[in-house]
PDB file of N, CA and C in Angstrom:
ATOM      1  N   MET A   1      -3.953   5.369 -15.811  1.00  0.00           N
ATOM      2  CA  MET A   1      -2.693   4.708 -15.511  1.00  0.00           C
ATOM      3  C   MET A   1      -2.573   3.513 -16.450  1.00  0.00           C
ATOM      4  N   ASP A   2      -1.565   3.512 -17.299  1.00  0.00           N
ATOM      5  CA  ASP A   2      -1.405   2.364 -18.184  1.00  0.00           C
ATOM      6  C   ASP A   2      -0.537   1.304 -17.503  1.00  0.00           C
ATOM      7  N   ASP A   3      -0.753   0.048 -17.880  1.00  0.00           N
ATOM      8  CA  ASP A   3      -0.053  -1.058 -17.223  1.00  0.00           C
ATOM      9  C   ASP A   3       1.456  -0.984 -17.381  1.00  0.00           C
ATOM     10  N   LYS A   4       1.928  -0.417 -18.491  1.00  0.00           N
ATOM     11  CA  LYS A   4       3.366  -0.343 -18.738  1.00  0.00           C
ATOM     12  C   LYS A   4       4.078   0.501 -17.670  1.00  0.00           C
ATOM     13  N   ASN A   5       3.449   1.598 -17.250  1.00  0.00           N
ATOM     14  CA  ASN A   5       4.064   2.488 -16.282  1.00  0.00           C
ATOM     15  C   ASN A   5       3.505   2.322 -14.874  1.00  0.00           C
ATOM     16  N   SER A   6       2.529   1.460 -14.719  1.00  0.00           N
ATOM     17  CA  SER A   6       1.890   1.272 -13.423  1.00  0.00           C
ATOM     18  C   SER A   6       2.843   0.603 -12.437  1.00  0.00           C
ATOM     19  N   PRO A   7       2.904   1.115 -11.212  1.00  0.00           N
ATOM     20  CA  PRO A   7       3.744   0.453 -10.210  1.00  0.00           C
ATOM     21  C   PRO A   7       3.153  -0.898  -9.816  1.00  0.00           C
ATOM     22  N   GLU A   8       3.984  -1.772  -9.302  1.00  0.00           N
ATOM     23  CA  GLU A   8       3.529  -3.075  -8.822  1.00  0.00           C
ATOM     24  C   GLU A   8       2.703  -2.926  -7.551  1.00  0.00           C
ATOM     25  N   VAL A   9       3.150  -2.025  -6.667  1.00  0.00           N
ATOM     26  CA  VAL A   9       2.504  -1.827  -5.370  1.00  0.00           C
ATOM     27  C   VAL A   9       2.396  -0.333  -5.102  1.00  0.00           C
ATOM     28  N   VAL A  10       1.258   0.091  -4.573  1.00  0.00           N
ATOM     29  CA  VAL A  10       1.062   1.472  -4.137  1.00  0.00           C
ATOM     30  C   VAL A  10       0.669   1.421  -2.660  1.00  0.00           C
ATOM     31  N   VAL A  11       1.420   2.144  -1.814  1.00  0.00           N
ATOM     32  CA  VAL A  11       1.097   2.249  -0.396  1.00  0.00           C
ATOM     33  C   VAL A  11       0.545   3.646  -0.173  1.00  0.00           C
ATOM     34  N   GLU A  12      -0.705   3.720   0.243  1.00  0.00           N
ATOM     35  CA  GLU A  12      -1.349   5.008   0.480  1.00  0.00           C
ATOM     36  C   GLU A  12      -1.270   5.314   1.974  1.00  0.00           C
ATOM     37  N   MET A  13      -0.721   6.492   2.294  1.00  0.00           N
ATOM     38  CA  MET A  13      -0.557   6.893   3.695  1.00  0.00           C
ATOM     39  C   MET A  13      -1.128   8.282   3.905  1.00  0.00           C
ATOM     40  N   SER A  14      -1.523   8.551   5.140  1.00  0.00           N
ATOM     41  CA  SER A  14      -1.988   9.877   5.521  1.00  0.00           C
ATOM     42  C   SER A  14      -1.588  10.107   6.967  1.00  0.00           C
ATOM     43  N   GLY A  15      -0.823  11.158   7.220  1.00  0.00           N
ATOM     44  CA  GLY A  15      -0.393  11.463   8.579  1.00  0.00           C
ATOM     45  C   GLY A  15       0.459  10.373   9.205  1.00  0.00           C
ATOM     46  N   GLY A  16       1.245   9.669   8.384  1.00  0.00           N
ATOM     47  CA  GLY A  16       2.102   8.605   8.890  1.00  0.00           C
ATOM     48  C   GLY A  16       1.385   7.287   9.133  1.00  0.00           C
ATOM     49  N   VAL A  17       0.123   7.211   8.742  1.00  0.00           N
ATOM     50  CA  VAL A  17      -0.672   5.999   8.939  1.00  0.00           C
ATOM     51  C   VAL A  17      -0.969   5.367   7.583  1.00  0.00           C
ATOM     52  N   VAL A  18      -0.758   4.057   7.480  1.00  0.00           N
ATOM     53  CA  VAL A  18      -1.089   3.359   6.243  1.00  0.00           C
ATOM     54  C   VAL A  18      -2.605   3.304   6.109  1.00  0.00           C
ATOM     55  N   VAL A  19      -3.092   3.847   5.000  1.00  0.00           N
ATOM     56  CA  VAL A  19      -4.531   3.869   4.722  1.00  0.00           C
ATOM     57  C   VAL A  19      -4.923   2.639   3.916  1.00  0.00           C
ATOM     58  N   ALA A  20      -4.119   2.329   2.892  1.00  0.00           N
ATOM     59  CA  ALA A  20      -4.424   1.191   2.020  1.00  0.00           C
ATOM     60  C   ALA A  20      -3.173   0.794   1.264  1.00  0.00           C
ATOM     61  N   ILE A  21      -3.158  -0.443   0.813  1.00  0.00           N
ATOM     62  CA  ILE A  21      -2.099  -0.944  -0.058  1.00  0.00           C
ATOM     63  C   ILE A  21      -2.783  -1.581  -1.256  1.00  0.00           C
ATOM     64  N   TYR A  22      -2.315  -1.216  -2.445  1.00  0.00           N
ATOM     65  CA  TYR A  22      -2.867  -1.736  -3.693  1.00  0.00           C
ATOM     66  C   TYR A  22      -1.750  -2.464  -4.439  1.00  0.00           C
ATOM     67  N   SER A  23      -2.079  -3.557  -5.116  1.00  0.00           N
ATOM     68  CA  SER A  23      -1.081  -4.321  -5.850  1.00  0.00           C
ATOM     69  C   SER A  23      -1.652  -4.841  -7.153  1.00  0.00           C
ATOM     70  N   ARG A  24      -0.778  -4.915  -8.174  1.00  0.00           N
ATOM     71  CA  ARG A  24      -1.194  -5.524  -9.441  1.00  0.00           C
ATOM     72  C   ARG A  24      -1.231  -7.043  -9.331  1.00  0.00           C
ATOM     73  N   SER A  25      -0.444  -7.598  -8.416  1.00  0.00           N
ATOM     74  CA  SER A  25      -0.399  -9.042  -8.237  1.00  0.00           C
ATOM     75  C   SER A  25      -1.548  -9.489  -7.346  1.00  0.00           C
ATOM     76  N   HIS A  26      -2.198 -10.579  -7.724  1.00  0.00           N
ATOM     77  CA  HIS A  26      -3.347 -11.073  -6.963  1.00  0.00           C
ATOM     78  C   HIS A  26      -2.939 -11.820  -5.707  1.00  0.00           C
ATOM     79  N   ASN A  27      -1.683 -12.208  -5.608  1.00  0.00           N
ATOM     80  CA  ASN A  27      -1.260 -12.995  -4.448  1.00  0.00           C
ATOM     81  C   ASN A  27      -0.209 -12.273  -3.602  1.00  0.00           C
ATOM     82  N   SER A  28      -0.194 -10.956  -3.622  1.00  0.00           N
ATOM     83  CA  SER A  28       0.750 -10.206  -2.798  1.00  0.00           C
ATOM     84  C   SER A  28       0.415 -10.374  -1.330  1.00  0.00           C
ATOM     85  N   ARG A  29       1.461 -10.493  -0.546  1.00  0.00           N
ATOM     86  CA  ARG A  29       1.320 -10.500   0.916  1.00  0.00           C
ATOM     87  C   ARG A  29       2.226  -9.403   1.441  1.00  0.00           C
ATOM     88  N   ILE A  30       1.661  -8.505   2.183  1.00  0.00           N
ATOM     89  CA  ILE A  30       2.406  -7.370   2.713  1.00  0.00           C
ATOM     90  C   ILE A  30       2.488  -7.516   4.224  1.00  0.00           C
ATOM     91  N   VAL A  31       3.702  -7.410   4.752  1.00  0.00           N
ATOM     92  CA  VAL A  31       3.890  -7.389   6.198  1.00  0.00           C
ATOM     93  C   VAL A  31       4.289  -5.969   6.569  1.00  0.00           C
ATOM     94  N   LEU A  32       3.526  -5.381   7.466  1.00  0.00           N
ATOM     95  CA  LEU A  32       3.793  -4.029   7.924  1.00  0.00           C
ATOM     96  C   LEU A  32       4.595  -4.118   9.213  1.00  0.00           C
ATOM     97  N   LEU A  33       5.794  -3.580   9.198  1.00  0.00           N
ATOM     98  CA  LEU A  33       6.668  -3.593  10.370  1.00  0.00           C
ATOM     99  C   LEU A  33       6.814  -2.163  10.857  1.00  0.00           C
ATOM    100  N   ASP A  34       6.298  -1.890  12.017  1.00  0.00           N
ATOM    101  CA  ASP A  34       6.352  -0.557  12.609  1.00  0.00           C
ATOM    102  C   ASP A  34       7.195  -0.659  13.873  1.00  0.00           C
ATOM    103  N   TRP A  35       8.386  -0.069  13.845  1.00  0.00           N
ATOM    104  CA  TRP A  35       9.300  -0.178  14.981  1.00  0.00           C
ATOM    105  C   TRP A  35       8.689   0.359  16.267  1.00  0.00           C
ATOM    106  N   ASP A  36       7.849   1.372  16.183  1.00  0.00           N
ATOM    107  CA  ASP A  36       7.189   1.893  17.382  1.00  0.00           C
ATOM    108  C   ASP A  36       6.273   0.843  17.999  1.00  0.00           C
ATOM    109  N   GLU A  37       5.524   0.153  17.173  1.00  0.00           N
ATOM    110  CA  GLU A  37       4.643  -0.904  17.660  1.00  0.00           C
ATOM    111  C   GLU A  37       5.450  -2.068  18.227  1.00  0.00           C
ATOM    112  N   PHE A  38       6.538  -2.411  17.563  1.00  0.00           N
ATOM    113  CA  PHE A  38       7.373  -3.521  18.014  1.00  0.00           C
ATOM    114  C   PHE A  38       7.896  -3.242  19.420  1.00  0.00           C
ATOM    115  N   GLU A  39       8.369  -2.036  19.648  1.00  0.00           N
ATOM    116  CA  GLU A  39       8.903  -1.684  20.953  1.00  0.00           C
ATOM    117  C   GLU A  39       7.816  -1.659  22.019  1.00  0.00           C
ATOM    118  N   ASP A  40       6.599  -1.254  21.635  1.00  0.00           N
ATOM    119  CA  ASP A  40       5.524  -1.123  22.612  1.00  0.00           C
ATOM    120  C   ASP A  40       4.905  -2.461  23.012  1.00  0.00           C
ATOM    121  N   ASP A  41       4.612  -3.304  22.017  1.00  0.00           N
ATOM    122  CA  ASP A  41       3.883  -4.521  22.389  1.00  0.00           C
ATOM    123  C   ASP A  41       4.530  -5.820  21.922  1.00  0.00           C
ATOM    124  N   GLY A  42       5.719  -5.750  21.334  1.00  0.00           N
ATOM    125  CA  GLY A  42       6.446  -6.954  20.969  1.00  0.00           C
ATOM    126  C   GLY A  42       6.023  -7.617  19.674  1.00  0.00           C
ATOM    127  N   ARG A  43       5.018  -7.062  18.968  1.00  0.00           N
ATOM    128  CA  ARG A  43       4.623  -7.650  17.687  1.00  0.00           C
ATOM    129  C   ARG A  43       5.734  -7.409  16.669  1.00  0.00           C
ATOM    130  N   VAL A  44       6.060  -8.432  15.943  1.00  0.00           N
ATOM    131  CA  VAL A  44       7.096  -8.293  14.919  1.00  0.00           C
ATOM    132  C   VAL A  44       6.560  -7.582  13.691  1.00  0.00           C
ATOM    133  N   GLY A  45       5.368  -7.847  13.314  1.00  0.00           N
ATOM    134  CA  GLY A  45       4.750  -7.234  12.146  1.00  0.00           C
ATOM    135  C   GLY A  45       3.359  -7.793  11.973  1.00  0.00           C
ATOM    136  N   ILE A  46       2.561  -7.112  11.205  1.00  0.00           N
ATOM    137  CA  ILE A  46       1.211  -7.595  10.946  1.00  0.00           C
ATOM    138  C   ILE A  46       1.014  -7.709   9.440  1.00  0.00           C
ATOM    139  N   PHE A  47       0.220  -8.675   9.039  1.00  0.00           N
ATOM    140  CA  PHE A  47      -0.137  -8.776   7.631  1.00  0.00           C
ATOM    141  C   PHE A  47      -1.160  -7.702   7.338  1.00  0.00           C
ATOM    142  N   PHE A  48      -0.946  -6.988   6.254  1.00  0.00           N
ATOM    143  CA  PHE A  48      -1.831  -5.889   5.895  1.00  0.00           C
ATOM    144  C   PHE A  48      -2.634  -6.303   4.677  1.00  0.00           C
ATOM    145  N   PRO A  49      -3.934  -6.051   4.665  1.00  0.00           N
ATOM    146  CA  PRO A  49      -4.749  -6.435   3.509  1.00  0.00           C
ATOM    147  C   PRO A  49      -4.323  -5.681   2.255  1.00  0.00           C
ATOM    148  N   VAL A  50      -4.361  -6.365   1.140  1.00  0.00           N
ATOM    149  CA  VAL A  50      -3.963  -5.788  -0.138  1.00  0.00           C
ATOM    150  C   VAL A  50      -5.160  -5.794  -1.077  1.00  0.00           C
ATOM    151  N   ASP A  51      -5.467  -4.631  -1.624  1.00  0.00           N
ATOM    152  CA  ASP A  51      -6.561  -4.503  -2.581  1.00  0.00           C
ATOM    153  C   ASP A  51      -6.003  -4.502  -3.995  1.00  0.00           C
ATOM    154  N   PRO A  52      -6.788  -4.937  -4.979  1.00  0.00           N
ATOM    155  CA  PRO A  52      -6.328  -4.868  -6.366  1.00  0.00           C
ATOM    156  C   PRO A  52      -6.090  -3.417  -6.765  1.00  0.00           C
ATOM    157  N   ILE A  53      -5.066  -3.192  -7.551  1.00  0.00           N
ATOM    158  CA  ILE A  53      -4.741  -1.825  -7.967  1.00  0.00           C
ATOM    159  C   ILE A  53      -5.908  -1.212  -8.749  1.00  0.00           C
ATOM    160  N   SER A  54      -6.724  -2.059  -9.351  1.00  0.00           N
ATOM    161  CA  SER A  54      -7.885  -1.564 -10.107  1.00  0.00           C
ATOM    162  C   SER A  54      -8.958  -0.953  -9.196  1.00  0.00           C
ATOM    163  N   SER A  55      -8.918  -1.256  -7.910  1.00  0.00           N
ATOM    164  CA  SER A  55      -9.916  -0.708  -6.990  1.00  0.00           C
ATOM    165  C   SER A  55      -9.456   0.594  -6.317  1.00  0.00           C
ATOM    166  N   MET A  56      -8.294   1.080  -6.731  1.00  0.00           N
ATOM    167  CA  MET A  56      -7.772   2.318  -6.169  1.00  0.00           C
ATOM    168  C   MET A  56      -8.731   3.471  -6.465  1.00  0.00           C
ATOM    169  N   PRO A  57      -9.040   4.301  -5.464  1.00  0.00           N
ATOM    170  CA  PRO A  57      -9.935   5.434  -5.710  1.00  0.00           C
ATOM    171  C   PRO A  57      -9.369   6.393  -6.762  1.00  0.00           C
ATOM    172  N   THR A  58     -10.247   7.067  -7.459  1.00  0.00           N
ATOM    173  CA  THR A  58      -9.843   7.973  -8.543  1.00  0.00           C
ATOM    174  C   THR A  58      -8.853   9.031  -8.076  1.00  0.00           C
ATOM    175  N   GLU A  59      -9.085   9.621  -6.926  1.00  0.00           N
ATOM    176  CA  GLU A  59      -8.178  10.659  -6.418  1.00  0.00           C
ATOM    177  C   GLU A  59      -6.774  10.102  -6.170  1.00  0.00           C
ATOM    178  N   THR A  60      -6.684   8.908  -5.614  1.00  0.00           N
ATOM    179  CA  THR A  60      -5.385   8.271  -5.387  1.00  0.00           C
ATOM    180  C   THR A  60      -4.719   7.960  -6.718  1.00  0.00           C
ATOM    181  N   ARG A  61      -5.482   7.448  -7.666  1.00  0.00           N
ATOM    182  CA  ARG A  61      -4.954   7.111  -8.996  1.00  0.00           C
ATOM    183  C   ARG A  61      -4.366   8.357  -9.676  1.00  0.00           C
ATOM    184  N   ARG A  62      -5.041   9.476  -9.545  1.00  0.00           N
ATOM    185  CA  ARG A  62      -4.537  10.729 -10.149  1.00  0.00           C
ATOM    186  C   ARG A  62      -3.179  11.120  -9.555  1.00  0.00           C
ATOM    187  N   LEU A  63      -3.030  10.966  -8.244  1.00  0.00           N
ATOM    188  CA  LEU A  63      -1.755  11.308  -7.609  1.00  0.00           C
ATOM    189  C   LEU A  63      -0.646  10.332  -8.027  1.00  0.00           C
ATOM    190  N   VAL A  64      -0.987   9.061  -8.153  1.00  0.00           N
ATOM    191  CA  VAL A  64       0.002   8.074  -8.615  1.00  0.00           C
ATOM    192  C   VAL A  64       0.412   8.390 -10.047  1.00  0.00           C
ATOM    193  N   ASP A  65      -0.560   8.680 -10.898  1.00  0.00           N
ATOM    194  CA  ASP A  65      -0.253   9.037 -12.291  1.00  0.00           C
ATOM    195  C   ASP A  65       0.667  10.247 -12.364  1.00  0.00           C
ATOM    196  N   ALA A  66       0.449  11.215 -11.504  1.00  0.00           N
ATOM    197  CA  ALA A  66       1.288  12.420 -11.501  1.00  0.00           C
ATOM    198  C   ALA A  66       2.711  12.123 -11.037  1.00  0.00           C
ATOM    199  N   ALA A  67       2.856  11.070 -10.226  1.00  0.00           N
ATOM    200  CA  ALA A  67       4.182  10.731  -9.680  1.00  0.00           C
ATOM    201  C   ALA A  67       5.038   9.912 -10.642  1.00  0.00           C
ATOM    202  N   ILE A  68       4.388   9.238 -11.615  1.00  0.00           N
ATOM    203  CA  ILE A  68       5.175   8.365 -12.510  1.00  0.00           C
ATOM    204  C   ILE A  68       5.386   9.002 -13.866  1.00  0.00           C
TER     205      ILE A  68
END
């Protein structure tokens, strides 16, 4: 994945569940808002940890490369 075509943020999901979020920016803050959770327990959103895009697993990187 070259930096010119690399996305700023990659959200990895499986079965409707967020597995990981990767970002090129070192200071990204991601708030995950799930309407189902909001209705159930009143939480507005949760901060989700963000990993550097460089730490993305090889298999995920291959799928991102194929998408861009």
